Amino acid sequence: MSEMENSKINEEQLDNVAGGNDGRGEGTYSAYDITPRWIRVTASELNARYWPNGEVAKVYKRGDRLKVDGITTDGKWYRFWMYDPEGGECNGYIFKAYTELD
């Protein structure tokens, strides 16, 4: 198994991730790599941010599908790769509580 695969957490660990984020936003979080999976937005609108609790990058609507590849150490935010509205691509973060596995 590659080093990348060894660093990914399984489903049980995904549900039990805890610690590490003090909630202040940029620079105060870290994320675990997870096995990429598809999620679906369950809120009527959900902000994707450049970092947890940070500036809004774009808004997704109920039913939108995103492929996530990481989760913050507090277990509250999924990390995913997105097209930046200002140009290029970047990581985005979306609040896990308003999503479901697809």
PDB file of N, CA and C in Angstrom:
ATOM      1  N   MET A   1       0.849  -1.189   0.000  1.00  0.00           N
ATOM      2  CA  MET A   1       0.000   0.000   0.000  1.00  0.00           C
ATOM      3  C   MET A   1       0.889   1.244   0.000  1.00  0.00           C
ATOM      4  N   SER A   2       0.531   2.249  -0.761  1.00  0.00           N
ATOM      5  CA  SER A   2       1.340   3.465  -0.841  1.00  0.00           C
ATOM      6  C   SER A   2       1.199   4.295   0.430  1.00  0.00           C
ATOM      7  N   GLU A   3       2.133   5.216   0.620  1.00  0.00           N
ATOM      8  CA  GLU A   3       2.077   6.113   1.783  1.00  0.00           C
ATOM      9  C   GLU A   3       0.795   6.928   1.775  1.00  0.00           C
ATOM     10  N   MET A   4       0.341   7.357   0.580  1.00  0.00           N
ATOM     11  CA  MET A   4      -0.894   8.128   0.456  1.00  0.00           C
ATOM     12  C   MET A   4      -2.088   7.304   0.932  1.00  0.00           C
ATOM     13  N   GLU A   5      -2.167   6.050   0.517  1.00  0.00           N
ATOM     14  CA  GLU A   5      -3.284   5.202   0.920  1.00  0.00           C
ATOM     15  C   GLU A   5      -3.249   4.925   2.421  1.00  0.00           C
ATOM     16  N   ASN A   6      -2.048   4.781   2.995  1.00  0.00           N
ATOM     17  CA  ASN A   6      -1.919   4.538   4.425  1.00  0.00           C
ATOM     18  C   ASN A   6      -2.414   5.714   5.256  1.00  0.00           C
ATOM     19  N   SER A   7      -2.386   6.929   4.705  1.00  0.00           N
ATOM     20  CA  SER A   7      -2.781   8.111   5.469  1.00  0.00           C
ATOM     21  C   SER A   7      -4.287   8.357   5.444  1.00  0.00           C
ATOM     22  N   LYS A   8      -5.020   7.585   4.663  1.00  0.00           N
ATOM     23  CA  LYS A   8      -6.455   7.807   4.551  1.00  0.00           C
ATOM     24  C   LYS A   8      -7.195   7.089   5.669  1.00  0.00           C
ATOM     25  N   ILE A   9      -8.248   7.715   6.160  1.00  0.00           N
ATOM     26  CA  ILE A   9      -8.993   7.112   7.260  1.00  0.00           C
ATOM     27  C   ILE A   9     -10.186   6.341   6.726  1.00  0.00           C
ATOM     28  N   ASN A  10     -10.630   5.348   7.486  1.00  0.00           N
ATOM     29  CA  ASN A  10     -11.760   4.523   7.061  1.00  0.00           C
ATOM     30  C   ASN A  10     -13.087   5.130   7.528  1.00  0.00           C
ATOM     31  N   GLU A  11     -14.189   4.476   7.183  1.00  0.00           N
ATOM     32  CA  GLU A  11     -15.527   5.003   7.502  1.00  0.00           C
ATOM     33  C   GLU A  11     -15.723   5.221   9.009  1.00  0.00           C
ATOM     34  N   GLU A  12     -15.305   4.261   9.819  1.00  0.00           N
ATOM     35  CA  GLU A  12     -15.484   4.392  11.277  1.00  0.00           C
ATOM     36  C   GLU A  12     -14.691   5.577  11.808  1.00  0.00           C
ATOM     37  N   GLN A  13     -13.453   5.713  11.357  1.00  0.00           N
ATOM     38  CA  GLN A  13     -12.636   6.845  11.778  1.00  0.00           C
ATOM     39  C   GLN A  13     -13.237   8.158  11.303  1.00  0.00           C
ATOM     40  N   LEU A  14     -13.805   8.178  10.105  1.00  0.00           N
ATOM     41  CA  LEU A  14     -14.428   9.374   9.557  1.00  0.00           C
ATOM     42  C   LEU A  14     -15.537   9.872  10.472  1.00  0.00           C
ATOM     43  N   ASP A  15     -16.304   8.963  11.043  1.00  0.00           N
ATOM     44  CA  ASP A  15     -17.398   9.337  11.936  1.00  0.00           C
ATOM     45  C   ASP A  15     -16.926   9.763  13.316  1.00  0.00           C
ATOM     46  N   ASN A  16     -15.670   9.450  13.661  1.00  0.00           N
ATOM     47  CA  ASN A  16     -15.170   9.710  15.012  1.00  0.00           C
ATOM     48  C   ASN A  16     -13.998  10.679  15.079  1.00  0.00           C
ATOM     49  N   VAL A  17     -13.738  11.426  14.017  1.00  0.00           N
ATOM     50  CA  VAL A  17     -12.629  12.377  14.011  1.00  0.00           C
ATOM     51  C   VAL A  17     -12.896  13.466  15.038  1.00  0.00           C
ATOM     52  N   ALA A  18     -11.873  13.822  15.795  1.00  0.00           N
ATOM     53  CA  ALA A  18     -12.054  14.852  16.829  1.00  0.00           C
ATOM     54  C   ALA A  18     -10.759  15.628  17.031  1.00  0.00           C
ATOM     55  N   GLY A  19     -10.896  16.861  17.548  1.00  0.00           N
ATOM     56  CA  GLY A  19      -9.754  17.665  17.966  1.00  0.00           C
ATOM     57  C   GLY A  19      -9.096  18.455  16.862  1.00  0.00           C
ATOM     58  N   GLY A  20      -8.320  19.494  17.244  1.00  0.00           N
ATOM     59  CA  GLY A  20      -7.442  20.181  16.325  1.00  0.00           C
ATOM     60  C   GLY A  20      -7.905  21.514  15.783  1.00  0.00           C
ATOM     61  N   ASN A  21      -9.176  21.819  15.731  1.00  0.00           N
ATOM     62  CA  ASN A  21      -9.631  23.071  15.125  1.00  0.00           C
ATOM     63  C   ASN A  21     -10.199  23.969  16.210  1.00  0.00           C
ATOM     64  N   ASP A  22      -9.619  25.158  16.350  1.00  0.00           N
ATOM     65  CA  ASP A  22     -10.119  26.058  17.378  1.00  0.00           C
ATOM     66  C   ASP A  22     -11.231  26.965  16.861  1.00  0.00           C
ATOM     67  N   GLY A  23     -11.656  26.795  15.602  1.00  0.00           N
ATOM     68  CA  GLY A  23     -12.807  27.508  15.071  1.00  0.00           C
ATOM     69  C   GLY A  23     -12.566  28.934  14.638  1.00  0.00           C
ATOM     70  N   ARG A  24     -11.322  29.416  14.650  1.00  0.00           N
ATOM     71  CA  ARG A  24     -11.082  30.809  14.298  1.00  0.00           C
ATOM     72  C   ARG A  24     -10.900  31.042  12.818  1.00  0.00           C
ATOM     73  N   GLY A  25     -10.797  29.994  12.019  1.00  0.00           N
ATOM     74  CA  GLY A  25     -10.701  30.201  10.573  1.00  0.00           C
ATOM     75  C   GLY A  25      -9.318  29.951  10.017  1.00  0.00           C
ATOM     76  N   GLU A  26      -8.929  30.765   9.059  1.00  0.00           N
ATOM     77  CA  GLU A  26      -7.710  30.556   8.286  1.00  0.00           C
ATOM     78  C   GLU A  26      -6.497  30.277   9.170  1.00  0.00           C
ATOM     79  N   GLY A  27      -5.768  29.216   8.787  1.00  0.00           N
ATOM     80  CA  GLY A  27      -4.524  28.910   9.459  1.00  0.00           C
ATOM     81  C   GLY A  27      -4.663  28.162  10.769  1.00  0.00           C
ATOM     82  N   THR A  28      -5.863  27.867  11.215  1.00  0.00           N
ATOM     83  CA  THR A  28      -6.047  27.228  12.513  1.00  0.00           C
ATOM     84  C   THR A  28      -6.720  25.876  12.386  1.00  0.00           C
ATOM     85  N   TYR A  29      -6.573  25.229  11.268  1.00  0.00           N
ATOM     86  CA  TYR A  29      -7.202  23.935  11.046  1.00  0.00           C
ATOM     87  C   TYR A  29      -6.223  23.028  10.332  1.00  0.00           C
ATOM     88  N   SER A  30      -6.531  21.763  10.364  1.00  0.00           N
ATOM     89  CA  SER A  30      -5.816  20.809   9.530  1.00  0.00           C
ATOM     90  C   SER A  30      -6.834  19.779   9.074  1.00  0.00           C
ATOM     91  N   ALA A  31      -6.471  19.023   8.078  1.00  0.00           N
ATOM     92  CA  ALA A  31      -7.409  18.052   7.511  1.00  0.00           C
ATOM     93  C   ALA A  31      -6.707  16.735   7.263  1.00  0.00           C
ATOM     94  N   TYR A  32      -7.457  15.669   7.422  1.00  0.00           N
ATOM     95  CA  TYR A  32      -6.999  14.331   7.068  1.00  0.00           C
ATOM     96  C   TYR A  32      -7.386  14.046   5.632  1.00  0.00           C
ATOM     97  N   ASP A  33      -6.549  13.311   4.920  1.00  0.00           N
ATOM     98  CA  ASP A  33      -6.948  12.775   3.622  1.00  0.00           C
ATOM     99  C   ASP A  33      -7.913  11.627   3.888  1.00  0.00           C
ATOM    100  N   ILE A  34      -8.947  11.523   3.081  1.00  0.00           N
ATOM    101  CA  ILE A  34      -9.869  10.396   3.149  1.00  0.00           C
ATOM    102  C   ILE A  34      -9.996   9.796   1.754  1.00  0.00           C
ATOM    103  N   THR A  35     -10.487   8.591   1.690  1.00  0.00           N
ATOM    104  CA  THR A  35     -10.766   7.988   0.403  1.00  0.00           C
ATOM    105  C   THR A  35     -11.798   8.871  -0.293  1.00  0.00           C
ATOM    106  N   PRO A  36     -11.520   9.350  -1.504  1.00  0.00           N
ATOM    107  CA  PRO A  36     -12.485  10.225  -2.177  1.00  0.00           C
ATOM    108  C   PRO A  36     -13.873   9.585  -2.244  1.00  0.00           C
ATOM    109  N   ARG A  37     -14.893  10.396  -1.977  1.00  0.00           N
ATOM    110  CA  ARG A  37     -16.283   9.931  -2.013  1.00  0.00           C
ATOM    111  C   ARG A  37     -17.179  11.070  -2.474  1.00  0.00           C
ATOM    112  N   TRP A  38     -18.314  10.709  -3.027  1.00  0.00           N
ATOM    113  CA  TRP A  38     -19.295  11.702  -3.473  1.00  0.00           C
ATOM    114  C   TRP A  38     -20.248  12.006  -2.331  1.00  0.00           C
ATOM    115  N   ILE A  39     -20.536  13.294  -2.167  1.00  0.00           N
ATOM    116  CA  ILE A  39     -21.551  13.736  -1.201  1.00  0.00           C
ATOM    117  C   ILE A  39     -22.584  14.567  -1.957  1.00  0.00           C
ATOM    118  N   ARG A  40     -23.746  14.721  -1.349  1.00  0.00           N
ATOM    119  CA  ARG A  40     -24.821  15.527  -1.931  1.00  0.00           C
ATOM    120  C   ARG A  40     -25.214  16.594  -0.908  1.00  0.00           C
ATOM    121  N   VAL A  41     -25.427  17.834  -1.373  1.00  0.00           N
ATOM    122  CA  VAL A  41     -25.853  18.944  -0.519  1.00  0.00           C
ATOM    123  C   VAL A  41     -27.312  18.731  -0.128  1.00  0.00           C
ATOM    124  N   THR A  42     -27.610  18.840   1.179  1.00  0.00           N
ATOM    125  CA  THR A  42     -28.981  18.650   1.670  1.00  0.00           C
ATOM    126  C   THR A  42     -29.648  19.966   2.073  1.00  0.00           C
ATOM    127  N   ALA A  43     -28.888  21.039   2.238  1.00  0.00           N
ATOM    128  CA  ALA A  43     -29.451  22.352   2.569  1.00  0.00           C
ATOM    129  C   ALA A  43     -29.950  23.023   1.290  1.00  0.00           C
ATOM    130  N   SER A  44     -30.857  23.992   1.438  1.00  0.00           N
ATOM    131  CA  SER A  44     -31.336  24.698   0.247  1.00  0.00           C
ATOM    132  C   SER A  44     -30.180  25.431  -0.433  1.00  0.00           C
ATOM    133  N   GLU A  45     -29.255  25.982   0.339  1.00  0.00           N
ATOM    134  CA  GLU A  45     -28.027  26.578  -0.163  1.00  0.00           C
ATOM    135  C   GLU A  45     -26.922  26.295   0.840  1.00  0.00           C
ATOM    136  N   LEU A  46     -25.725  26.064   0.348  1.00  0.00           N
ATOM    137  CA  LEU A  46     -24.595  25.768   1.231  1.00  0.00           C
ATOM    138  C   LEU A  46     -23.350  26.481   0.710  1.00  0.00           C
ATOM    139  N   ASN A  47     -22.743  27.279   1.574  1.00  0.00           N
ATOM    140  CA  ASN A  47     -21.547  28.024   1.202  1.00  0.00           C
ATOM    141  C   ASN A  47     -20.323  27.128   1.178  1.00  0.00           C
ATOM    142  N   ALA A  48     -19.559  27.197   0.112  1.00  0.00           N
ATOM    143  CA  ALA A  48     -18.229  26.594   0.050  1.00  0.00           C
ATOM    144  C   ALA A  48     -17.258  27.715   0.394  1.00  0.00           C
ATOM    145  N   ARG A  49     -16.306  27.412   1.246  1.00  0.00           N
ATOM    146  CA  ARG A  49     -15.382  28.429   1.741  1.00  0.00           C
ATOM    147  C   ARG A  49     -13.948  28.078   1.382  1.00  0.00           C
ATOM    148  N   TYR A  50     -13.089  29.095   1.393  1.00  0.00           N
ATOM    149  CA  TYR A  50     -11.682  28.874   1.104  1.00  0.00           C
ATOM    150  C   TYR A  50     -10.985  28.158   2.261  1.00  0.00           C
ATOM    151  N   TRP A  51     -11.505  28.277   3.454  1.00  0.00           N
ATOM    152  CA  TRP A  51     -11.036  27.573   4.641  1.00  0.00           C
ATOM    153  C   TRP A  51     -12.213  27.499   5.599  1.00  0.00           C
ATOM    154  N   PRO A  52     -12.202  26.586   6.571  1.00  0.00           N
ATOM    155  CA  PRO A  52     -13.339  26.485   7.499  1.00  0.00           C
ATOM    156  C   PRO A  52     -13.637  27.824   8.172  1.00  0.00           C
ATOM    157  N   ASN A  53     -14.900  28.196   8.186  1.00  0.00           N
ATOM    158  CA  ASN A  53     -15.377  29.462   8.766  1.00  0.00           C
ATOM    159  C   ASN A  53     -14.804  30.694   8.077  1.00  0.00           C
ATOM    160  N   GLY A  54     -14.244  30.525   6.899  1.00  0.00           N
ATOM    161  CA  GLY A  54     -13.603  31.637   6.196  1.00  0.00           C
ATOM    162  C   GLY A  54     -14.490  32.258   5.134  1.00  0.00           C
ATOM    163  N   GLU A  55     -13.850  32.989   4.253  1.00  0.00           N
ATOM    164  CA  GLU A  55     -14.521  33.704   3.173  1.00  0.00           C
ATOM    165  C   GLU A  55     -15.264  32.732   2.249  1.00  0.00           C
ATOM    166  N   VAL A  56     -16.480  33.120   1.865  1.00  0.00           N
ATOM    167  CA  VAL A  56     -17.289  32.294   0.959  1.00  0.00           C
ATOM    168  C   VAL A  56     -16.708  32.375  -0.445  1.00  0.00           C
ATOM    169  N   ALA A  57     -16.490  31.207  -1.051  1.00  0.00           N
ATOM    170  CA  ALA A  57     -15.965  31.144  -2.413  1.00  0.00           C
ATOM    171  C   ALA A  57     -17.097  31.006  -3.417  1.00  0.00           C
ATOM    172  N   LYS A  58     -18.054  30.148  -3.123  1.00  0.00           N
ATOM    173  CA  LYS A  58     -19.201  29.938  -4.004  1.00  0.00           C
ATOM    174  C   LYS A  58     -20.317  29.273  -3.208  1.00  0.00           C
ATOM    175  N   VAL A  59     -21.491  29.207  -3.807  1.00  0.00           N
ATOM    176  CA  VAL A  59     -22.664  28.645  -3.139  1.00  0.00           C
ATOM    177  C   VAL A  59     -23.183  27.464  -3.947  1.00  0.00           C
ATOM    178  N   TYR A  60     -23.448  26.372  -3.252  1.00  0.00           N
ATOM    179  CA  TYR A  60     -24.033  25.189  -3.881  1.00  0.00           C
ATOM    180  C   TYR A  60     -25.482  25.072  -3.440  1.00  0.00           C
ATOM    181  N   LYS A  61     -26.285  24.407  -4.247  1.00  0.00           N
ATOM    182  CA  LYS A  61     -27.724  24.251  -3.993  1.00  0.00           C
ATOM    183  C   LYS A  61     -28.044  22.805  -3.632  1.00  0.00           C
ATOM    184  N   ARG A  62     -29.218  22.612  -2.998  1.00  0.00           N
ATOM    185  CA  ARG A  62     -29.682  21.271  -2.636  1.00  0.00           C
ATOM    186  C   ARG A  62     -29.579  20.347  -3.846  1.00  0.00           C
ATOM    187  N   GLY A  63     -29.032  19.170  -3.623  1.00  0.00           N
ATOM    188  CA  GLY A  63     -28.897  18.182  -4.686  1.00  0.00           C
ATOM    189  C   GLY A  63     -27.573  18.224  -5.428  1.00  0.00           C
ATOM    190  N   ASP A  64     -26.816  19.331  -5.309  1.00  0.00           N
ATOM    191  CA  ASP A  64     -25.505  19.381  -5.961  1.00  0.00           C
ATOM    192  C   ASP A  64     -24.612  18.292  -5.388  1.00  0.00           C
ATOM    193  N   ARG A  65     -23.802  17.688  -6.266  1.00  0.00           N
ATOM    194  CA  ARG A  65     -22.883  16.622  -5.870  1.00  0.00           C
ATOM    195  C   ARG A  65     -21.454  17.133  -5.899  1.00  0.00           C
ATOM    196  N   LEU A  66     -20.685  16.770  -4.885  1.00  0.00           N
ATOM    197  CA  LEU A  66     -19.283  17.154  -4.798  1.00  0.00           C
ATOM    198  C   LEU A  66     -18.463  15.931  -4.423  1.00  0.00           C
ATOM    199  N   LYS A  67     -17.257  15.852  -4.950  1.00  0.00           N
ATOM    200  CA  LYS A  67     -16.360  14.756  -4.596  1.00  0.00           C
ATOM    201  C   LYS A  67     -15.370  15.280  -3.560  1.00  0.00           C
ATOM    202  N   VAL A  68     -15.474  14.771  -2.336  1.00  0.00           N
ATOM    203  CA  VAL A  68     -14.623  15.218  -1.245  1.00  0.00           C
ATOM    204  C   VAL A  68     -13.451  14.268  -1.079  1.00  0.00           C
ATOM    205  N   ASP A  69     -12.310  14.818  -0.608  1.00  0.00           N
ATOM    206  CA  ASP A  69     -11.117  13.992  -0.427  1.00  0.00           C
ATOM    207  C   ASP A  69     -10.424  14.228   0.905  1.00  0.00           C
ATOM    208  N   GLY A  70     -11.061  14.995   1.786  1.00  0.00           N
ATOM    209  CA  GLY A  70     -10.475  15.257   3.095  1.00  0.00           C
ATOM    210  C   GLY A  70     -11.532  15.709   4.079  1.00  0.00           C
ATOM    211  N   ILE A  71     -11.179  15.642   5.357  1.00  0.00           N
ATOM    212  CA  ILE A  71     -12.070  16.108   6.421  1.00  0.00           C
ATOM    213  C   ILE A  71     -11.209  16.786   7.482  1.00  0.00           C
ATOM    214  N   THR A  72     -11.693  17.894   8.038  1.00  0.00           N
ATOM    215  CA  THR A  72     -10.927  18.607   9.055  1.00  0.00           C
ATOM    216  C   THR A  72     -10.813  17.745  10.305  1.00  0.00           C
ATOM    217  N   THR A  73      -9.806  18.036  11.110  1.00  0.00           N
ATOM    218  CA  THR A  73      -9.548  17.224  12.291  1.00  0.00           C
ATOM    219  C   THR A  73     -10.663  17.286  13.324  1.00  0.00           C
ATOM    220  N   ASP A  74     -11.530  18.298  13.247  1.00  0.00           N
ATOM    221  CA  ASP A  74     -12.671  18.335  14.166  1.00  0.00           C
ATOM    222  C   ASP A  74     -13.875  17.586  13.605  1.00  0.00           C
ATOM    223  N   GLY A  75     -13.764  17.072  12.371  1.00  0.00           N
ATOM    224  CA  GLY A  75     -14.828  16.278  11.762  1.00  0.00           C
ATOM    225  C   GLY A  75     -16.007  17.074  11.242  1.00  0.00           C
ATOM    226  N   LYS A  76     -15.904  18.407  11.159  1.00  0.00           N
ATOM    227  CA  LYS A  76     -17.050  19.243  10.782  1.00  0.00           C
ATOM    228  C   LYS A  76     -17.045  19.707   9.325  1.00  0.00           C
ATOM    229  N   TRP A  77     -15.909  19.697   8.668  1.00  0.00           N
ATOM    230  CA  TRP A  77     -15.788  20.247   7.316  1.00  0.00           C
ATOM    231  C   TRP A  77     -15.164  19.233   6.378  1.00  0.00           C
ATOM    232  N   TYR A  78     -15.775  19.089   5.198  1.00  0.00           N
ATOM    233  CA  TYR A  78     -15.171  18.301   4.138  1.00  0.00           C
ATOM    234  C   TYR A  78     -14.292  19.210   3.294  1.00  0.00           C
ATOM    235  N   ARG A  79     -13.179  18.674   2.820  1.00  0.00           N
ATOM    236  CA  ARG A  79     -12.314  19.370   1.870  1.00  0.00           C
ATOM    237  C   ARG A  79     -12.578  18.792   0.478  1.00  0.00           C
ATOM    238  N   PHE A  80     -12.586  19.644  -0.520  1.00  0.00           N
ATOM    239  CA  PHE A  80     -12.764  19.195  -1.903  1.00  0.00           C
ATOM    240  C   PHE A  80     -12.032  20.146  -2.841  1.00  0.00           C
ATOM    241  N   TRP A  81     -11.843  19.722  -4.080  1.00  0.00           N
ATOM    242  CA  TRP A  81     -11.169  20.517  -5.102  1.00  0.00           C
ATOM    243  C   TRP A  81     -12.234  21.248  -5.895  1.00  0.00           C
ATOM    244  N   MET A  82     -12.098  22.554  -6.053  1.00  0.00           N
ATOM    245  CA  MET A  82     -13.121  23.318  -6.763  1.00  0.00           C
ATOM    246  C   MET A  82     -12.474  24.309  -7.721  1.00  0.00           C
ATOM    247  N   TYR A  83     -13.282  24.762  -8.652  1.00  0.00           N
ATOM    248  CA  TYR A  83     -12.871  25.851  -9.529  1.00  0.00           C
ATOM    249  C   TYR A  83     -13.115  27.148  -8.776  1.00  0.00           C
ATOM    250  N   ASP A  84     -12.077  27.926  -8.626  1.00  0.00           N
ATOM    251  CA  ASP A  84     -12.155  29.193  -7.910  1.00  0.00           C
ATOM    252  C   ASP A  84     -12.850  30.222  -8.791  1.00  0.00           C
ATOM    253  N   PRO A  85     -13.903  30.876  -8.283  1.00  0.00           N
ATOM    254  CA  PRO A  85     -14.582  31.900  -9.079  1.00  0.00           C
ATOM    255  C   PRO A  85     -13.652  33.035  -9.521  1.00  0.00           C
ATOM    256  N   GLU A  86     -12.548  33.216  -8.799  1.00  0.00           N
ATOM    257  CA  GLU A  86     -11.595  34.270  -9.170  1.00  0.00           C
ATOM    258  C   GLU A  86     -10.555  33.773 -10.166  1.00  0.00           C
ATOM    259  N   GLY A  87     -10.673  32.496 -10.567  1.00  0.00           N
ATOM    260  CA  GLY A  87      -9.755  31.927 -11.547  1.00  0.00           C
ATOM    261  C   GLY A  87      -8.941  30.785 -10.972  1.00  0.00           C
ATOM    262  N   GLY A  88      -8.740  29.773 -11.764  1.00  0.00           N
ATOM    263  CA  GLY A  88      -7.937  28.634 -11.337  1.00  0.00           C
ATOM    264  C   GLY A  88      -8.721  27.626 -10.512  1.00  0.00           C
ATOM    265  N   GLU A  89      -7.974  26.810  -9.794  1.00  0.00           N
ATOM    266  CA  GLU A  89      -8.555  25.777  -8.948  1.00  0.00           C
ATOM    267  C   GLU A  89      -7.943  25.873  -7.565  1.00  0.00           C
ATOM    268  N   CYS A  90      -8.668  25.397  -6.564  1.00  0.00           N
ATOM    269  CA  CYS A  90      -8.163  25.437  -5.195  1.00  0.00           C
ATOM    270  C   CYS A  90      -8.956  24.471  -4.328  1.00  0.00           C
ATOM    271  N   ASN A  91      -8.470  24.254  -3.112  1.00  0.00           N
ATOM    272  CA  ASN A  91      -9.255  23.497  -2.146  1.00  0.00           C
ATOM    273  C   ASN A  91     -10.400  24.364  -1.659  1.00  0.00           C
ATOM    274  N   GLY A  92     -11.530  23.728  -1.404  1.00  0.00           N
ATOM    275  CA  GLY A  92     -12.665  24.379  -0.787  1.00  0.00           C
ATOM    276  C   GLY A  92     -13.082  23.547   0.405  1.00  0.00           C
ATOM    277  N   TYR A  93     -13.864  24.143   1.274  1.00  0.00           N
ATOM    278  CA  TYR A  93     -14.355  23.447   2.460  1.00  0.00           C
ATOM    279  C   TYR A  93     -15.859  23.654   2.547  1.00  0.00           C
ATOM    280  N   ILE A  94     -16.560  22.591   2.870  1.00  0.00           N
ATOM    281  CA  ILE A  94     -18.016  22.626   2.948  1.00  0.00           C
ATOM    282  C   ILE A  94     -18.445  21.958   4.251  1.00  0.00           C
ATOM    283  N   PHE A  95     -19.417  22.546   4.943  1.00  0.00           N
ATOM    284  CA  PHE A  95     -19.833  22.066   6.257  1.00  0.00           C
ATOM    285  C   PHE A  95     -20.524  20.716   6.131  1.00  0.00           C
ATOM    286  N   LYS A  96     -19.965  19.712   6.782  1.00  0.00           N
ATOM    287  CA  LYS A  96     -20.408  18.320   6.655  1.00  0.00           C
ATOM    288  C   LYS A  96     -21.862  18.110   7.083  1.00  0.00           C
ATOM    289  N   ALA A  97     -22.331  18.843   8.095  1.00  0.00           N
ATOM    290  CA  ALA A  97     -23.663  18.617   8.652  1.00  0.00           C
ATOM    291  C   ALA A  97     -24.787  18.813   7.638  1.00  0.00           C
ATOM    292  N   TYR A  98     -24.515  19.556   6.566  1.00  0.00           N
ATOM    293  CA  TYR A  98     -25.546  19.828   5.554  1.00  0.00           C
ATOM    294  C   TYR A  98     -25.302  19.047   4.272  1.00  0.00           C
ATOM    295  N   THR A  99     -24.720  17.862   4.447  1.00  0.00           N
ATOM    296  CA  THR A  99     -24.470  16.963   3.319  1.00  0.00           C
ATOM    297  C   THR A  99     -24.826  15.546   3.712  1.00  0.00           C
ATOM    298  N   GLU A 100     -24.902  14.683   2.707  1.00  0.00           N
ATOM    299  CA  GLU A 100     -25.056  13.257   2.956  1.00  0.00           C
ATOM    300  C   GLU A 100     -24.235  12.513   1.922  1.00  0.00           C
ATOM    301  N   LEU A 101     -23.823  11.291   2.270  1.00  0.00           N
ATOM    302  CA  LEU A 101     -23.090  10.487   1.294  1.00  0.00           C
ATOM    303  C   LEU A 101     -24.011  10.169   0.146  1.00  0.00           C
ATOM    304  N   ASP A 102     -23.486  10.227  -1.064  1.00  0.00           N
ATOM    305  CA  ASP A 102     -24.286   9.982  -2.260  1.00  0.00           C
ATOM    306  C   ASP A 102     -24.061   8.578  -2.777  1.00  0.00           C
TER     307      ASP A 102
END
